[in-house]
Amino acid sequence: MVSKLLALEAYPNLRDLDFRILRGVELNMRHHRWVPLEDIARFTRTDIETASFRLGKLDNWGLVVRRSDIGYIGYQLTIHGYDALAIRALAKKGAIEGISPVHIGVGKDADVYVGIAPSGEKVAVKFNRIGERTSSRKAAYHSDVFANKRHTSWLYISRLIAKKEYDALVLLSPIARVPRPIAWNRHVLVMEFIEGVELAEMRDSDLTKEEAEEILARVLEEYIKIVRFGIVHSDLSEFNVVVTNGDVLIIDWAQHVTTADPNSLELLRRDLTVIINAFRRRWRVERKFEDVWKDFESAWKESRGEEDGD
């Protein structure tokens, strides 16, 4: 797993030409598995010697990788080079001014860091790492982003997943307790920073049974609004609920589906089963699934324009 952003270490040394080279490799990876040196030089309008020298630097910093046993000299962009391009783009947008080199959260396919906006406020910066650490089984959770896509590099898939989560947060943040999105570029999502503790990181003794009952009630209250709106999380668990000042925040929407999806009802059932069981196991909170399910199934049908009797 990535424990620090290598792109941040290289960033002060990068020149405008380096970013043009990284961009050239990125764009030409649509056409080549390994981008020829000549194509990179042509894209950046520089000579072969200069392009080769700067690519050597980028290779040393881990932003590209070189291969010469394929009949020519070719290069690929690494996830760290992708990081550098995204950071620069977000900085130009005014979304971030700096990023802490130490992550504050690690998921199965993402790292989250604290960033600083130009206003001085903290923001959360999420870097998707779908291809770097995700098994094919887990990648299947994101199979929808592969549909009808001819280009399936892991960098590109990470980009699609980040955009998918950004779009969900744009829709949901006005109506429910989810992170407010600020900006998106490539595989990186910038969101509001909220002080809180992930439910999974809390010790059982941190909550009384009564407090846990209130938190579960808040999670279900927020989630039913979201389902009624027409979206199912599809990965809801104690790892995706943040407790903050007595309230909750539901995070990690990269795997969401709409209620129009033929699998959405079963995914909703799984979400509720997992979260109810977590509270029962850890804090002995008893909620009958059938009672909860009745309301959620009605909300699901309502979002689809169906009546309970349909």
C-alpha atoms as a PDB file:
ATOM      1  CA  MET A   1       0.000   0.000   0.000  1.00  0.00           C
ATOM      2  CA  VAL A   2       1.042   3.585  -0.591  1.00  0.00           C
ATOM      3  CA  SER A   3       2.040   5.165   2.729  1.00  0.00           C
ATOM      4  CA  LYS A   4       3.048   8.533   1.324  1.00  0.00           C
ATOM      5  CA  LEU A   5       2.627  10.564  -1.819  1.00  0.00           C
ATOM      6  CA  LEU A   6       5.809  10.153  -3.823  1.00  0.00           C
ATOM      7  CA  ALA A   7       4.540  12.846  -6.178  1.00  0.00           C
ATOM      8  CA  LEU A   8       4.828  15.399  -3.367  1.00  0.00           C
ATOM      9  CA  GLU A   9       8.517  14.636  -2.958  1.00  0.00           C
ATOM     10  CA  ALA A  10       9.176  15.142  -6.650  1.00  0.00           C
ATOM     11  CA  TYR A  11       6.777  18.059  -7.106  1.00  0.00           C
ATOM     12  CA  PRO A  12       9.173  20.923  -6.171  1.00  0.00           C
ATOM     13  CA  ASN A  13      11.647  19.655  -8.776  1.00  0.00           C
ATOM     14  CA  LEU A  14       9.176  19.419 -11.640  1.00  0.00           C
ATOM     15  CA  ARG A  15       9.369  21.901 -14.500  1.00  0.00           C
ATOM     16  CA  ASP A  16       6.660  22.894 -16.950  1.00  0.00           C
ATOM     17  CA  LEU A  17       8.339  20.622 -19.492  1.00  0.00           C
ATOM     18  CA  ASP A  18       8.070  17.698 -17.062  1.00  0.00           C
ATOM     19  CA  PHE A  19       4.330  18.193 -16.759  1.00  0.00           C
ATOM     20  CA  ARG A  20       4.017  18.383 -20.561  1.00  0.00           C
ATOM     21  CA  ILE A  21       5.956  15.132 -20.806  1.00  0.00           C
ATOM     22  CA  LEU A  22       3.739  13.447 -18.199  1.00  0.00           C
ATOM     23  CA  ARG A  23       0.691  14.695 -20.062  1.00  0.00           C
ATOM     24  CA  GLY A  24       2.117  13.397 -23.317  1.00  0.00           C
ATOM     25  CA  VAL A  25       2.667   9.944 -21.850  1.00  0.00           C
ATOM     26  CA  GLU A  26      -0.843   9.979 -20.372  1.00  0.00           C
ATOM     27  CA  LEU A  27      -2.547  10.876 -23.646  1.00  0.00           C
ATOM     28  CA  ASN A  28      -0.488   8.528 -25.790  1.00  0.00           C
ATOM     29  CA  MET A  29      -1.170   5.574 -23.486  1.00  0.00           C
ATOM     30  CA  ARG A  30      -4.550   5.523 -25.223  1.00  0.00           C
ATOM     31  CA  HIS A  31      -2.746   4.280 -28.305  1.00  0.00           C
ATOM     32  CA  HIS A  32       0.335   2.496 -26.934  1.00  0.00           C
ATOM     33  CA  ARG A  33       0.909   0.157 -24.043  1.00  0.00           C
ATOM     34  CA  TRP A  34       4.437   1.615 -23.925  1.00  0.00           C
ATOM     35  CA  VAL A  35       4.624   5.112 -25.407  1.00  0.00           C
ATOM     36  CA  PRO A  36       7.595   5.518 -27.778  1.00  0.00           C
ATOM     37  CA  LEU A  37      10.178   8.118 -26.835  1.00  0.00           C
ATOM     38  CA  GLU A  38       9.823   9.708 -30.278  1.00  0.00           C
ATOM     39  CA  ASP A  39       6.098  10.249 -29.763  1.00  0.00           C
ATOM     40  CA  ILE A  40       6.701  11.914 -26.414  1.00  0.00           C
ATOM     41  CA  ALA A  41       9.311  14.243 -27.903  1.00  0.00           C
ATOM     42  CA  ARG A  42       6.945  15.088 -30.754  1.00  0.00           C
ATOM     43  CA  PHE A  43       4.060  15.823 -28.378  1.00  0.00           C
ATOM     44  CA  THR A  44       6.171  18.127 -26.214  1.00  0.00           C
ATOM     45  CA  ARG A  45       7.836  19.775 -29.226  1.00  0.00           C
ATOM     46  CA  THR A  46      11.285  19.093 -27.932  1.00  0.00           C
ATOM     47  CA  ASP A  47      14.265  17.120 -29.191  1.00  0.00           C
ATOM     48  CA  ILE A  48      14.872  13.456 -28.416  1.00  0.00           C
ATOM     49  CA  GLU A  49      17.869  14.159 -26.182  1.00  0.00           C
ATOM     50  CA  THR A  50      16.018  16.652 -23.965  1.00  0.00           C
ATOM     51  CA  ALA A  51      12.934  14.428 -23.709  1.00  0.00           C
ATOM     52  CA  SER A  52      15.108  11.419 -22.843  1.00  0.00           C
ATOM     53  CA  PHE A  53      16.978  13.344 -20.150  1.00  0.00           C
ATOM     54  CA  ARG A  54      13.804  14.630 -18.471  1.00  0.00           C
ATOM     55  CA  LEU A  55      12.172  11.194 -18.718  1.00  0.00           C
ATOM     56  CA  GLY A  56      15.216   9.780 -16.938  1.00  0.00           C
ATOM     57  CA  LYS A  57      14.564  12.206 -14.089  1.00  0.00           C
ATOM     58  CA  LEU A  58      10.879  11.313 -14.009  1.00  0.00           C
ATOM     59  CA  ASP A  59      11.805   7.625 -13.963  1.00  0.00           C
ATOM     60  CA  ASN A  60      14.134   8.184 -10.994  1.00  0.00           C
ATOM     61  CA  TRP A  61      11.322   9.939  -9.122  1.00  0.00           C
ATOM     62  CA  GLY A  62       8.926   7.063  -9.838  1.00  0.00           C
ATOM     63  CA  LEU A  63       6.550   9.084 -12.007  1.00  0.00           C
ATOM     64  CA  VAL A  64       7.128   7.033 -15.158  1.00  0.00           C
ATOM     65  CA  VAL A  65       8.621   3.629 -15.876  1.00  0.00           C
ATOM     66  CA  ARG A  66      10.928   2.870 -18.828  1.00  0.00           C
ATOM     67  CA  ARG A  67      11.184  -0.259 -20.949  1.00  0.00           C
ATOM     68  CA  SER A  68      13.700  -0.975 -23.701  1.00  0.00           C
ATOM     69  CA  ASP A  69      13.261  -4.703 -24.426  1.00  0.00           C
ATOM     70  CA  ILE A  70      10.268  -4.256 -26.729  1.00  0.00           C
ATOM     71  CA  GLY A  71      12.094  -3.210 -29.882  1.00  0.00           C
ATOM     72  CA  TYR A  72      12.079   0.453 -28.931  1.00  0.00           C
ATOM     73  CA  ILE A  73      12.342   2.703 -25.865  1.00  0.00           C
ATOM     74  CA  GLY A  74       8.914   3.176 -24.334  1.00  0.00           C
ATOM     75  CA  TYR A  75       7.389   4.687 -21.214  1.00  0.00           C
ATOM     76  CA  GLN A  76       4.312   4.275 -19.043  1.00  0.00           C
ATOM     77  CA  LEU A  77       2.822   6.673 -16.537  1.00  0.00           C
ATOM     78  CA  THR A  78       2.805   5.329 -12.968  1.00  0.00           C
ATOM     79  CA  ILE A  79       0.144   6.055 -10.364  1.00  0.00           C
ATOM     80  CA  HIS A  80       2.603   8.585  -8.879  1.00  0.00           C
ATOM     81  CA  GLY A  81       2.862  10.415 -12.189  1.00  0.00           C
ATOM     82  CA  TYR A  82      -0.920  10.416 -12.357  1.00  0.00           C
ATOM     83  CA  ASP A  83      -0.927  11.889  -8.839  1.00  0.00           C
ATOM     84  CA  ALA A  84       1.385  14.696  -9.952  1.00  0.00           C
ATOM     85  CA  LEU A  85      -0.843  15.608 -12.916  1.00  0.00           C
ATOM     86  CA  ALA A  86      -3.972  15.610 -10.760  1.00  0.00           C
ATOM     87  CA  ILE A  87      -2.351  17.681  -7.992  1.00  0.00           C
ATOM     88  CA  ARG A  88      -1.207  20.295 -10.488  1.00  0.00           C
ATOM     89  CA  ALA A  89      -4.647  20.476 -12.118  1.00  0.00           C
ATOM     90  CA  LEU A  90      -6.433  20.821  -8.761  1.00  0.00           C
ATOM     91  CA  ALA A  91      -3.975  23.500  -7.660  1.00  0.00           C
ATOM     92  CA  LYS A  92      -4.618  25.442 -10.866  1.00  0.00           C
ATOM     93  CA  LYS A  93      -8.361  25.162 -10.206  1.00  0.00           C
ATOM     94  CA  GLY A  94      -7.847  26.691  -6.768  1.00  0.00           C
ATOM     95  CA  ALA A  95      -9.160  23.580  -5.012  1.00  0.00           C
ATOM     96  CA  ILE A  96      -5.961  22.885  -3.077  1.00  0.00           C
ATOM     97  CA  GLU A  97      -2.852  24.786  -2.098  1.00  0.00           C
ATOM     98  CA  GLY A  98      -1.067  22.019  -0.237  1.00  0.00           C
ATOM     99  CA  ILE A  99      -1.384  18.380   0.845  1.00  0.00           C
ATOM    100  CA  SER A 100      -0.066  16.657   3.956  1.00  0.00           C
ATOM    101  CA  PRO A 101       2.392  13.869   3.048  1.00  0.00           C
ATOM    102  CA  VAL A 102       0.836  11.512   5.620  1.00  0.00           C
ATOM    103  CA  HIS A 103      -2.498   9.871   4.867  1.00  0.00           C
ATOM    104  CA  ILE A 104      -5.401   9.941   7.295  1.00  0.00           C
ATOM    105  CA  GLY A 105      -7.298   7.015   5.824  1.00  0.00           C
ATOM    106  CA  VAL A 106      -6.624   3.889   3.801  1.00  0.00           C
ATOM    107  CA  GLY A 107      -9.360   1.926   2.088  1.00  0.00           C
ATOM    108  CA  LYS A 108      -9.347  -1.153  -0.077  1.00  0.00           C
ATOM    109  CA  ASP A 109      -8.797   1.012  -3.144  1.00  0.00           C
ATOM    110  CA  ALA A 110      -8.089   4.584  -2.001  1.00  0.00           C
ATOM    111  CA  ASP A 111      -5.915   6.787   0.216  1.00  0.00           C
ATOM    112  CA  VAL A 112      -7.186   9.964   1.892  1.00  0.00           C
ATOM    113  CA  TYR A 113      -4.976  12.913   2.860  1.00  0.00           C
ATOM    114  CA  VAL A 114      -5.550  16.279   4.505  1.00  0.00           C
ATOM    115  CA  GLY A 115      -5.240  19.140   2.060  1.00  0.00           C
ATOM    116  CA  ILE A 116      -5.262  22.893   2.511  1.00  0.00           C
ATOM    117  CA  ALA A 117      -7.469  25.100   0.351  1.00  0.00           C
ATOM    118  CA  PRO A 118      -6.325  28.596  -0.690  1.00  0.00           C
ATOM    119  CA  SER A 119      -8.686  29.928   1.994  1.00  0.00           C
ATOM    120  CA  GLY A 120      -6.643  28.091   4.631  1.00  0.00           C
ATOM    121  CA  GLU A 121      -9.423  25.604   5.365  1.00  0.00           C
ATOM    122  CA  LYS A 122      -8.729  21.881   5.589  1.00  0.00           C
ATOM    123  CA  VAL A 123     -10.088  19.637   2.854  1.00  0.00           C
ATOM    124  CA  ALA A 124     -10.052  15.867   2.373  1.00  0.00           C
ATOM    125  CA  VAL A 125      -8.184  14.680  -0.729  1.00  0.00           C
ATOM    126  CA  LYS A 126      -9.006  11.141  -1.867  1.00  0.00           C
ATOM    127  CA  PHE A 127      -6.689   9.327  -4.292  1.00  0.00           C
ATOM    128  CA  ASN A 128      -8.230   6.267  -5.909  1.00  0.00           C
ATOM    129  CA  ARG A 129      -5.837   3.300  -6.211  1.00  0.00           C
ATOM    130  CA  ILE A 130      -8.114   0.730  -7.829  1.00  0.00           C
ATOM    131  CA  GLY A 131      -5.495  -1.026  -9.961  1.00  0.00           C
ATOM    132  CA  GLU A 132      -2.619  -0.802  -7.518  1.00  0.00           C
ATOM    133  CA  ARG A 133      -4.068  -2.830  -4.671  1.00  0.00           C
ATOM    134  CA  THR A 134      -7.423  -4.201  -5.795  1.00  0.00           C
ATOM    135  CA  SER A 135      -7.946  -7.844  -6.648  1.00  0.00           C
ATOM    136  CA  SER A 136     -10.011  -8.825  -9.672  1.00  0.00           C
ATOM    137  CA  ARG A 137     -12.770  -9.927  -7.292  1.00  0.00           C
ATOM    138  CA  LYS A 138     -12.953  -6.525  -5.649  1.00  0.00           C
ATOM    139  CA  ALA A 139     -12.629  -4.792  -9.005  1.00  0.00           C
ATOM    140  CA  ALA A 140     -15.821  -6.581 -10.004  1.00  0.00           C
ATOM    141  CA  TYR A 141     -17.627  -4.274  -7.568  1.00  0.00           C
ATOM    142  CA  HIS A 142     -16.884  -1.535 -10.088  1.00  0.00           C
ATOM    143  CA  SER A 143     -17.835  -3.556 -13.157  1.00  0.00           C
ATOM    144  CA  ASP A 144     -20.289  -0.884 -14.263  1.00  0.00           C
ATOM    145  CA  VAL A 145     -17.465   1.527 -15.079  1.00  0.00           C
ATOM    146  CA  PHE A 146     -15.995  -1.032 -17.490  1.00  0.00           C
ATOM    147  CA  ALA A 147     -19.179  -1.239 -19.544  1.00  0.00           C
ATOM    148  CA  ASN A 148     -18.725  -0.173 -23.158  1.00  0.00           C
ATOM    149  CA  LYS A 149     -15.205   1.116 -22.441  1.00  0.00           C
ATOM    150  CA  ARG A 150     -12.547   0.095 -24.937  1.00  0.00           C
ATOM    151  CA  HIS A 151      -9.729   1.529 -22.817  1.00  0.00           C
ATOM    152  CA  THR A 152      -9.420  -0.245 -19.483  1.00  0.00           C
ATOM    153  CA  SER A 153      -6.065   0.788 -18.021  1.00  0.00           C
ATOM    154  CA  TRP A 154      -6.164   0.905 -14.247  1.00  0.00           C
ATOM    155  CA  LEU A 155      -5.367   4.621 -14.280  1.00  0.00           C
ATOM    156  CA  TYR A 156      -8.397   5.238 -16.444  1.00  0.00           C
ATOM    157  CA  ILE A 157     -10.618   3.032 -14.294  1.00  0.00           C
ATOM    158  CA  SER A 158      -9.498   4.946 -11.185  1.00  0.00           C
ATOM    159  CA  ARG A 159     -10.485   8.138 -12.984  1.00  0.00           C
ATOM    160  CA  LEU A 160     -13.958   6.818 -13.820  1.00  0.00           C
ATOM    161  CA  ILE A 161     -14.506   5.689 -10.235  1.00  0.00           C
ATOM    162  CA  ALA A 162     -13.497   9.082  -8.830  1.00  0.00           C
ATOM    163  CA  LYS A 163     -15.878  10.804 -11.244  1.00  0.00           C
ATOM    164  CA  LYS A 164     -18.656   8.389 -10.295  1.00  0.00           C
ATOM    165  CA  GLU A 165     -18.259   9.197  -6.594  1.00  0.00           C
ATOM    166  CA  TYR A 166     -18.029  12.930  -7.288  1.00  0.00           C
ATOM    167  CA  ASP A 167     -21.290  12.815  -9.251  1.00  0.00           C
ATOM    168  CA  ALA A 168     -23.020  10.929  -6.418  1.00  0.00           C
ATOM    169  CA  LEU A 169     -21.887  13.472  -3.829  1.00  0.00           C
ATOM    170  CA  VAL A 170     -23.047  16.372  -5.986  1.00  0.00           C
ATOM    171  CA  LEU A 171     -26.516  14.823  -6.036  1.00  0.00           C
ATOM    172  CA  LEU A 172     -26.657  13.695  -2.412  1.00  0.00           C
ATOM    173  CA  SER A 173     -24.923  16.440  -0.429  1.00  0.00           C
ATOM    174  CA  PRO A 174     -27.926  18.823  -0.593  1.00  0.00           C
ATOM    175  CA  ILE A 175     -30.287  16.198   0.853  1.00  0.00           C
ATOM    176  CA  ALA A 176     -28.301  13.935   3.187  1.00  0.00           C
ATOM    177  CA  ARG A 177     -25.313  13.646   5.489  1.00  0.00           C
ATOM    178  CA  VAL A 178     -22.554  12.852   2.997  1.00  0.00           C
ATOM    179  CA  PRO A 179     -19.305  14.724   2.296  1.00  0.00           C
ATOM    180  CA  ARG A 180     -19.700  17.906   0.251  1.00  0.00           C
ATOM    181  CA  PRO A 181     -17.678  17.605  -2.965  1.00  0.00           C
ATOM    182  CA  ILE A 182     -15.366  20.470  -3.904  1.00  0.00           C
ATOM    183  CA  ALA A 183     -13.491  19.374  -7.020  1.00  0.00           C
ATOM    184  CA  TRP A 184     -12.488  16.363  -9.083  1.00  0.00           C
ATOM    185  CA  ASN A 185      -9.618  15.684 -11.464  1.00  0.00           C
ATOM    186  CA  ARG A 186      -8.517  12.349 -12.896  1.00  0.00           C
ATOM    187  CA  HIS A 187      -8.523   9.831 -10.009  1.00  0.00           C
ATOM    188  CA  VAL A 188      -8.582  12.440  -7.229  1.00  0.00           C
ATOM    189  CA  LEU A 189     -11.595  13.797  -5.359  1.00  0.00           C
ATOM    190  CA  VAL A 190     -11.475  16.849  -3.078  1.00  0.00           C
ATOM    191  CA  MET A 191     -14.176  17.024  -0.390  1.00  0.00           C
ATOM    192  CA  GLU A 192     -14.971  18.969   2.724  1.00  0.00           C
ATOM    193  CA  PHE A 193     -12.955  17.874   5.752  1.00  0.00           C
ATOM    194  CA  ILE A 194     -15.039  16.808   8.736  1.00  0.00           C
ATOM    195  CA  GLU A 195     -13.589  15.875  12.104  1.00  0.00           C
ATOM    196  CA  GLY A 196     -14.911  12.513  13.155  1.00  0.00           C
ATOM    197  CA  VAL A 197     -14.186   8.868  13.826  1.00  0.00           C
ATOM    198  CA  GLU A 198     -14.977   5.972  11.546  1.00  0.00           C
ATOM    199  CA  LEU A 199     -17.438   3.668  13.292  1.00  0.00           C
ATOM    200  CA  ALA A 200     -15.174   0.679  12.664  1.00  0.00           C
ATOM    201  CA  GLU A 201     -12.314   2.410  14.507  1.00  0.00           C
ATOM    202  CA  MET A 202     -14.357   3.014  17.647  1.00  0.00           C
ATOM    203  CA  ARG A 203     -13.933   0.626  20.554  1.00  0.00           C
ATOM    204  CA  ASP A 204     -17.058  -1.109  21.746  1.00  0.00           C
ATOM    205  CA  SER A 205     -16.667   0.727  25.058  1.00  0.00           C
ATOM    206  CA  ASP A 206     -16.707   4.123  23.321  1.00  0.00           C
ATOM    207  CA  LEU A 207     -20.485   3.956  22.972  1.00  0.00           C
ATOM    208  CA  THR A 208     -23.209   3.000  25.379  1.00  0.00           C
ATOM    209  CA  LYS A 209     -26.030   0.866  24.034  1.00  0.00           C
ATOM    210  CA  GLU A 210     -28.285   3.925  24.058  1.00  0.00           C
ATOM    211  CA  GLU A 211     -25.762   6.023  22.123  1.00  0.00           C
ATOM    212  CA  ALA A 212     -25.327   3.236  19.585  1.00  0.00           C
ATOM    213  CA  GLU A 213     -29.096   2.999  19.162  1.00  0.00           C
ATOM    214  CA  GLU A 214     -29.211   6.722  18.388  1.00  0.00           C
ATOM    215  CA  ILE A 215     -26.390   6.458  15.866  1.00  0.00           C
ATOM    216  CA  LEU A 216     -27.993   3.521  14.070  1.00  0.00           C
ATOM    217  CA  ALA A 217     -31.270   5.433  13.957  1.00  0.00           C
ATOM    218  CA  ARG A 218     -29.465   8.398  12.370  1.00  0.00           C
ATOM    219  CA  VAL A 219     -27.755   6.159   9.801  1.00  0.00           C
ATOM    220  CA  LEU A 220     -31.075   4.619   8.799  1.00  0.00           C
ATOM    221  CA  GLU A 221     -32.760   8.019   8.766  1.00  0.00           C
ATOM    222  CA  GLU A 222     -30.164   9.413   6.371  1.00  0.00           C
ATOM    223  CA  TYR A 223     -29.991   6.295   4.242  1.00  0.00           C
ATOM    224  CA  ILE A 224     -33.728   6.048   3.647  1.00  0.00           C
ATOM    225  CA  LYS A 225     -33.700   9.626   2.307  1.00  0.00           C
ATOM    226  CA  ILE A 226     -30.979   8.585  -0.117  1.00  0.00           C
ATOM    227  CA  VAL A 227     -32.832   5.457  -1.234  1.00  0.00           C
ATOM    228  CA  ARG A 228     -36.004   7.463  -1.728  1.00  0.00           C
ATOM    229  CA  PHE A 229     -33.960   9.842  -3.882  1.00  0.00           C
ATOM    230  CA  GLY A 230     -32.986   6.869  -6.032  1.00  0.00           C
ATOM    231  CA  ILE A 231     -29.506   5.750  -4.964  1.00  0.00           C
ATOM    232  CA  VAL A 232     -28.234   2.643  -3.152  1.00  0.00           C
ATOM    233  CA  HIS A 233     -24.808   2.719  -1.497  1.00  0.00           C
ATOM    234  CA  SER A 234     -24.141  -1.018  -2.140  1.00  0.00           C
ATOM    235  CA  ASP A 235     -21.167  -1.159   0.266  1.00  0.00           C
ATOM    236  CA  LEU A 236     -22.623   0.207   3.501  1.00  0.00           C
ATOM    237  CA  SER A 237     -20.889  -0.989   6.656  1.00  0.00           C
ATOM    238  CA  GLU A 238     -19.294   0.267   9.852  1.00  0.00           C
ATOM    239  CA  PHE A 239     -16.273   1.226   7.711  1.00  0.00           C
ATOM    240  CA  ASN A 240     -18.371   3.733   5.763  1.00  0.00           C
ATOM    241  CA  VAL A 241     -20.010   5.579   8.645  1.00  0.00           C
ATOM    242  CA  VAL A 242     -18.228   8.469  10.364  1.00  0.00           C
ATOM    243  CA  VAL A 243     -19.464   9.630  13.761  1.00  0.00           C
ATOM    244  CA  THR A 244     -19.006  13.367  14.239  1.00  0.00           C
ATOM    245  CA  ASN A 245     -20.318  15.494  17.104  1.00  0.00           C
ATOM    246  CA  GLY A 246     -23.130  13.078  17.825  1.00  0.00           C
ATOM    247  CA  ASP A 247     -24.188  12.953  14.181  1.00  0.00           C
ATOM    248  CA  VAL A 248     -23.216  10.686  11.297  1.00  0.00           C
ATOM    249  CA  LEU A 249     -21.720  10.995   7.849  1.00  0.00           C
ATOM    250  CA  ILE A 250     -22.086   8.237   5.238  1.00  0.00           C
ATOM    251  CA  ILE A 251     -18.941   8.059   3.089  1.00  0.00           C
ATOM    252  CA  ASP A 252     -17.407   6.116   0.173  1.00  0.00           C
ATOM    253  CA  TRP A 253     -19.972   6.315  -2.612  1.00  0.00           C
ATOM    254  CA  ALA A 254     -17.787   4.944  -5.405  1.00  0.00           C
ATOM    255  CA  GLN A 255     -19.808   1.715  -5.637  1.00  0.00           C
ATOM    256  CA  HIS A 256     -23.270   3.258  -5.618  1.00  0.00           C
ATOM    257  CA  VAL A 257     -25.974   2.184  -8.030  1.00  0.00           C
ATOM    258  CA  THR A 258     -29.308   3.754  -8.863  1.00  0.00           C
ATOM    259  CA  THR A 259     -32.532   2.081  -7.832  1.00  0.00           C
ATOM    260  CA  ALA A 260     -33.168   1.465 -11.537  1.00  0.00           C
ATOM    261  CA  ASP A 261     -30.344  -1.090 -11.464  1.00  0.00           C
ATOM    262  CA  PRO A 262     -31.768  -4.638 -11.499  1.00  0.00           C
ATOM    263  CA  ASN A 263     -29.466  -5.615  -8.610  1.00  0.00           C
ATOM    264  CA  SER A 264     -30.248  -2.580  -6.467  1.00  0.00           C
ATOM    265  CA  LEU A 265     -32.884  -4.214  -4.255  1.00  0.00           C
ATOM    266  CA  GLU A 266     -30.577  -7.093  -3.340  1.00  0.00           C
ATOM    267  CA  LEU A 267     -27.696  -4.667  -2.731  1.00  0.00           C
ATOM    268  CA  LEU A 268     -29.955  -2.612  -0.487  1.00  0.00           C
ATOM    269  CA  ARG A 269     -30.916  -5.725   1.454  1.00  0.00           C
ATOM    270  CA  ARG A 270     -27.223  -6.546   1.917  1.00  0.00           C
ATOM    271  CA  ASP A 271     -26.417  -2.986   3.072  1.00  0.00           C
ATOM    272  CA  LEU A 272     -29.096  -3.081   5.748  1.00  0.00           C
ATOM    273  CA  THR A 273     -28.176  -6.586   6.881  1.00  0.00           C
ATOM    274  CA  VAL A 274     -24.519  -5.649   7.296  1.00  0.00           C
ATOM    275  CA  ILE A 275     -25.108  -2.416   9.222  1.00  0.00           C
ATOM    276  CA  ILE A 276     -27.826  -3.869  11.496  1.00  0.00           C
ATOM    277  CA  ASN A 277     -25.659  -6.905  12.284  1.00  0.00           C
ATOM    278  CA  ALA A 278     -22.684  -4.666  13.093  1.00  0.00           C
ATOM    279  CA  PHE A 279     -24.661  -2.788  15.741  1.00  0.00           C
ATOM    280  CA  ARG A 280     -26.126  -5.992  17.113  1.00  0.00           C
ATOM    281  CA  ARG A 281     -22.717  -7.641  17.367  1.00  0.00           C
ATOM    282  CA  ARG A 282     -20.839  -4.716  18.877  1.00  0.00           C
ATOM    283  CA  TRP A 283     -23.387  -2.844  20.992  1.00  0.00           C
ATOM    284  CA  ARG A 284     -26.253  -5.357  21.379  1.00  0.00           C
ATOM    285  CA  VAL A 285     -28.609  -3.025  19.555  1.00  0.00           C
ATOM    286  CA  GLU A 286     -31.620  -5.063  18.474  1.00  0.00           C
ATOM    287  CA  ARG A 287     -33.489  -3.909  15.372  1.00  0.00           C
ATOM    288  CA  LYS A 288     -35.719  -6.362  13.566  1.00  0.00           C
ATOM    289  CA  PHE A 289     -34.629  -6.528   9.961  1.00  0.00           C
ATOM    290  CA  GLU A 290     -38.201  -7.074   8.781  1.00  0.00           C
ATOM    291  CA  ASP A 291     -39.357  -3.813  10.382  1.00  0.00           C
ATOM    292  CA  VAL A 292     -36.499  -1.825   8.862  1.00  0.00           C
ATOM    293  CA  TRP A 293     -36.841  -3.542   5.496  1.00  0.00           C
ATOM    294  CA  LYS A 294     -40.515  -2.676   5.152  1.00  0.00           C
ATOM    295  CA  ASP A 295     -39.800   1.059   5.163  1.00  0.00           C
ATOM    296  CA  PHE A 296     -36.766   0.795   2.912  1.00  0.00           C
ATOM    297  CA  GLU A 297     -38.497  -1.398   0.374  1.00  0.00           C
ATOM    298  CA  SER A 298     -41.305   1.158   0.200  1.00  0.00           C
ATOM    299  CA  ALA A 299     -38.750   3.942  -0.299  1.00  0.00           C
ATOM    300  CA  TRP A 300     -37.068   1.905  -3.037  1.00  0.00           C
ATOM    301  CA  LYS A 301     -40.381   1.386  -4.818  1.00  0.00           C
ATOM    302  CA  GLU A 302     -41.271   5.051  -4.422  1.00  0.00           C
ATOM    303  CA  SER A 303     -37.999   6.056  -6.101  1.00  0.00           C
ATOM    304  CA  ARG A 304     -38.943   3.858  -9.070  1.00  0.00           C
ATOM    305  CA  GLY A 305     -42.461   5.240  -9.314  1.00  0.00           C
ATOM    306  CA  GLU A 306     -43.983   1.969  -8.135  1.00  0.00           C
ATOM    307  CA  GLU A 307     -46.778   1.358  -5.676  1.00  0.00           C
ATOM    308  CA  ASP A 308     -46.390  -1.166  -2.837  1.00  0.00           C
ATOM    309  CA  GLY A 309     -48.913  -3.410  -4.501  1.00  0.00           C
ATOM    310  CA  ASP A 310     -47.118  -3.430  -7.876  1.00  0.00           C
END
